[in-house]
Protein backbone atom coordinates (compact mmCIF):
# COMPACT_ATOMS: atom_id res chain seq x y z
CA MET A 1 4.51 0.90 -2.68
CA SER A 2 7.48 -0.90 -4.26
CA VAL A 3 9.11 -1.14 -0.84
CA ILE A 4 6.10 -3.07 0.47
CA LEU A 5 6.27 -5.34 -2.58
CA GLN A 6 9.97 -5.99 -1.95
CA ILE A 7 9.23 -6.83 1.68
CA LEU A 8 6.48 -9.16 0.48
CA LEU A 9 9.21 -11.24 -1.19
CA SER A 10 11.16 -11.71 2.05
CA VAL A 11 12.06 -15.25 3.04
CA GLU A 12 10.75 -14.61 6.56
CA PRO A 13 7.04 -15.51 6.71
CA LYS A 14 6.19 -13.06 9.52
CA ILE A 15 7.69 -10.18 7.54
CA ARG A 16 5.78 -11.25 4.43
CA GLU A 17 2.55 -11.47 6.43
CA ALA A 18 3.11 -7.92 7.73
CA ALA A 19 3.64 -6.63 4.19
CA ALA A 20 0.49 -8.41 3.03
CA ALA A 21 -1.43 -6.89 5.96
CA ALA A 22 -0.20 -3.44 4.94
CA LEU A 23 -1.47 -3.93 1.39
CA GLU A 24 -4.81 -5.20 2.70
CA ALA A 25 -5.08 -2.13 4.92
CA ILE A 26 -4.52 0.15 1.93
CA ALA A 27 -7.17 -1.76 -0.03
CA ASN A 28 -9.60 -1.11 2.83
CA ARG A 29 -9.10 2.64 2.73
CA SER A 30 -10.53 5.42 0.61
CA MET A 31 -10.75 5.37 -3.16
CA HIS A 32 -7.89 7.88 -3.26
CA GLU A 33 -5.60 5.49 -1.38
CA ARG A 34 -6.76 2.42 -3.33
CA LYS A 35 -5.83 4.32 -6.48
CA HIS A 36 -2.18 3.94 -5.48
CA LEU A 37 -2.61 0.18 -5.64
CA LEU A 38 -4.32 0.50 -8.99
CA ASN A 39 -1.57 2.75 -10.38
CA GLU A 40 1.02 0.18 -9.28
CA ASP A 41 -0.90 -2.59 -11.10
CA ILE A 42 -0.83 -4.40 -7.79
CA ILE A 43 -2.91 -7.40 -8.80
CA GLU A 44 -0.96 -7.93 -12.01
CA ARG A 45 2.33 -7.70 -10.13
CA LEU A 46 1.22 -10.07 -7.39
CA MET A 47 0.03 -12.58 -9.99
CA GLY A 48 3.51 -12.43 -11.52
CA TYR A 49 5.09 -13.86 -8.37
CA GLN A 50 5.28 -17.57 -9.02
CA PRO A 51 4.57 -19.85 -7.39
CA LEU A 52 1.72 -18.24 -5.52
CA ASP A 53 2.04 -19.32 -1.92
CA GLN A 54 -0.56 -19.18 0.85
CA ILE A 55 0.27 -15.59 1.83
CA LEU A 56 -0.07 -14.29 -1.73
CA LEU A 57 -3.25 -16.29 -2.36
CA HIS A 58 -4.83 -14.92 0.80
CA LEU A 59 -3.76 -11.38 -0.10
CA LEU A 60 -5.14 -11.66 -3.63
CA SER A 61 -8.43 -13.15 -2.45
CA SER A 62 -8.76 -10.26 -0.03
CA ILE A 63 -7.90 -7.34 -2.30
CA ILE A 64 -9.42 -8.40 -5.63
CA PRO A 65 -13.03 -7.83 -4.50
CA LYS A 66 -12.06 -4.52 -2.89
CA LEU A 67 -10.35 -3.25 -6.03
CA ALA A 68 -12.69 -4.71 -8.66
CA PHE A 69 -14.78 -1.55 -9.11
CA ASP A 70 -11.64 0.60 -9.17
CA TYR A 71 -10.27 -1.61 -11.96
CA LEU A 72 -13.60 -1.30 -13.76
CA ASP A 73 -13.58 2.51 -13.48
CA ALA A 74 -10.00 2.64 -14.74
CA GLY A 75 -10.79 0.47 -17.77
CA LYS A 76 -8.57 -2.35 -16.49
CA ILE A 77 -11.31 -4.89 -15.82
CA ASP A 78 -10.16 -7.14 -18.67
CA PHE A 79 -7.27 -8.39 -16.56
CA LEU A 80 -9.59 -9.37 -13.72
CA LEU A 81 -11.92 -11.12 -16.13
CA THR A 82 -9.04 -13.26 -17.41
CA LEU A 83 -8.55 -14.48 -13.85
CA VAL A 84 -12.12 -15.72 -13.78
CA GLU A 85 -11.65 -17.75 -16.95
């Protein structure tokens, strides 16, 4: 997972888009596979990349709804609620 996150920081937009697509694909998979994103604190880490550009904003808007219940089940929903405020 950290390799994908490193690629997501590339200066080349097409490479970054491919990394974002890979993370979106994982978020679309089974609960078992989404758990890897949860264990990596993916949303927290992505939010730490400042400034948030269009690729990161699109990625976050795509994966947050898909991972919300997983965050709730893991007791990590407080972080997502702070984003709403």
